[in-house]
């Protein structure tokens, strides 16, 4: 196999691999949005307060307990809704 053909194959594989990684990145944001949507459904209207966004981002990074605490401590979010919302985050 010629070197130029081999290099082209490697570059094609690398491009596909990086493209695949780029396509999965928005899914992480979608998880935070799902978490926020669960809370907004309970609050019935309006944009989620900043503590909701912060708590959902905590849940996305693996801090489920911190997410639940952040949502319930802020007021207005029941424990059941917080658990459901934080489960949607990771």
Protein backbone atom coordinates (compact mmCIF):
# COMPACT_ATOMS: atom_id res chain seq x y z
CA UNK A 1 0.00 0.00 0.00
CA UNK A 2 1.37 3.40 -0.92
CA UNK A 3 2.14 5.85 1.88
CA UNK A 4 -0.17 8.52 0.43
CA UNK A 5 -3.08 6.07 0.39
CA UNK A 6 -2.35 5.02 3.95
CA UNK A 7 -2.17 8.65 5.14
CA UNK A 8 -5.43 9.46 3.37
CA UNK A 9 -7.11 6.51 5.09
CA UNK A 10 -5.83 7.58 8.50
CA UNK A 11 -6.97 11.17 7.96
CA UNK A 12 -10.41 10.00 6.83
CA UNK A 13 -10.74 7.81 9.91
CA UNK A 14 -9.62 10.65 12.17
CA UNK A 15 -12.10 13.04 10.56
CA UNK A 16 -14.94 10.59 11.05
CA UNK A 17 -13.92 9.97 14.65
CA UNK A 18 -13.75 13.67 15.47
CA UNK A 19 -16.96 14.36 13.60
CA UNK A 20 -18.69 11.69 15.64
CA UNK A 21 -17.45 13.27 18.86
CA UNK A 22 -18.68 16.66 17.74
CA UNK A 23 -22.10 15.24 16.97
CA UNK A 24 -22.45 13.79 20.47
CA UNK A 25 -21.55 17.03 22.26
CA UNK A 26 -25.01 18.65 21.94
CA UNK A 27 -26.56 15.66 23.69
CA UNK A 28 -24.90 16.74 26.93
CA UNK A 29 -26.62 20.12 26.72
CA UNK A 30 -29.90 18.43 25.90
CA UNK A 31 -29.70 16.54 29.18
CA UNK A 32 -29.45 19.82 31.12
CA UNK A 33 -32.37 21.17 29.12
CA UNK A 34 -34.41 18.05 29.94
CA UNK A 35 -33.70 18.56 33.63
CA UNK A 36 -34.76 22.21 33.43
CA UNK A 37 -37.92 21.29 31.48
CA UNK A 38 -39.05 18.89 34.22
CA UNK A 39 -38.76 21.68 36.80
CA UNK A 40 -40.44 24.25 34.55
CA UNK A 41 -43.40 21.90 34.13
CA UNK A 42 -43.90 21.89 37.90
CA UNK A 43 -43.37 25.65 38.24
CA UNK A 44 -45.86 26.13 35.39
CA UNK A 45 -44.50 28.89 33.30
CA UNK A 46 -41.68 31.28 33.00
CA UNK A 47 -38.01 30.67 32.63
CA UNK A 48 -36.29 28.54 35.23
CA UNK A 49 -34.51 30.51 37.95
CA UNK A 50 -30.71 30.46 37.93
CA UNK A 51 -30.57 28.00 40.84
CA UNK A 52 -32.39 25.44 38.66
CA UNK A 53 -29.85 25.77 35.86
CA UNK A 54 -26.97 25.48 38.35
CA UNK A 55 -28.47 22.42 40.02
CA UNK A 56 -29.13 20.71 36.68
CA UNK A 57 -25.54 21.34 35.57
CA UNK A 58 -24.40 19.78 38.85
CA UNK A 59 -26.53 16.74 38.05
CA UNK A 60 -25.07 16.53 34.56
CA UNK A 61 -21.54 16.37 35.96
CA UNK A 62 -22.47 13.42 38.16
CA UNK A 63 -23.61 15.17 41.34
CA UNK A 64 -27.11 13.70 41.60
CA UNK A 65 -27.44 14.39 45.34
CA UNK A 66 -26.17 17.95 44.89
CA UNK A 67 -28.64 18.47 42.06
CA UNK A 68 -31.58 17.31 44.19
CA UNK A 69 -30.45 19.45 47.14
CA UNK A 70 -29.95 22.47 44.90
CA UNK A 71 -33.43 22.17 43.44
CA UNK A 72 -35.29 21.59 46.70
CA UNK A 73 -33.29 24.16 48.67
CA UNK A 74 -34.20 26.86 46.15
CA UNK A 75 -37.86 26.53 47.03
CA UNK A 76 -40.85 25.66 44.95
CA UNK A 77 -39.53 22.32 43.68
CA UNK A 78 -40.78 19.17 45.35
CA UNK A 79 -38.40 16.33 46.18
CA UNK A 80 -40.11 14.02 43.68
CA UNK A 81 -39.74 16.55 40.85
CA UNK A 82 -36.12 17.19 41.83
CA UNK A 83 -35.27 13.47 41.73
CA UNK A 84 -36.95 13.11 38.32
CA UNK A 85 -35.28 16.22 36.92
CA UNK A 86 -31.83 15.27 38.20
CA UNK A 87 -32.22 11.77 36.76
CA UNK A 88 -32.70 13.39 33.34
CA UNK A 89 -29.49 15.39 33.69
CA UNK A 90 -26.67 12.83 33.40
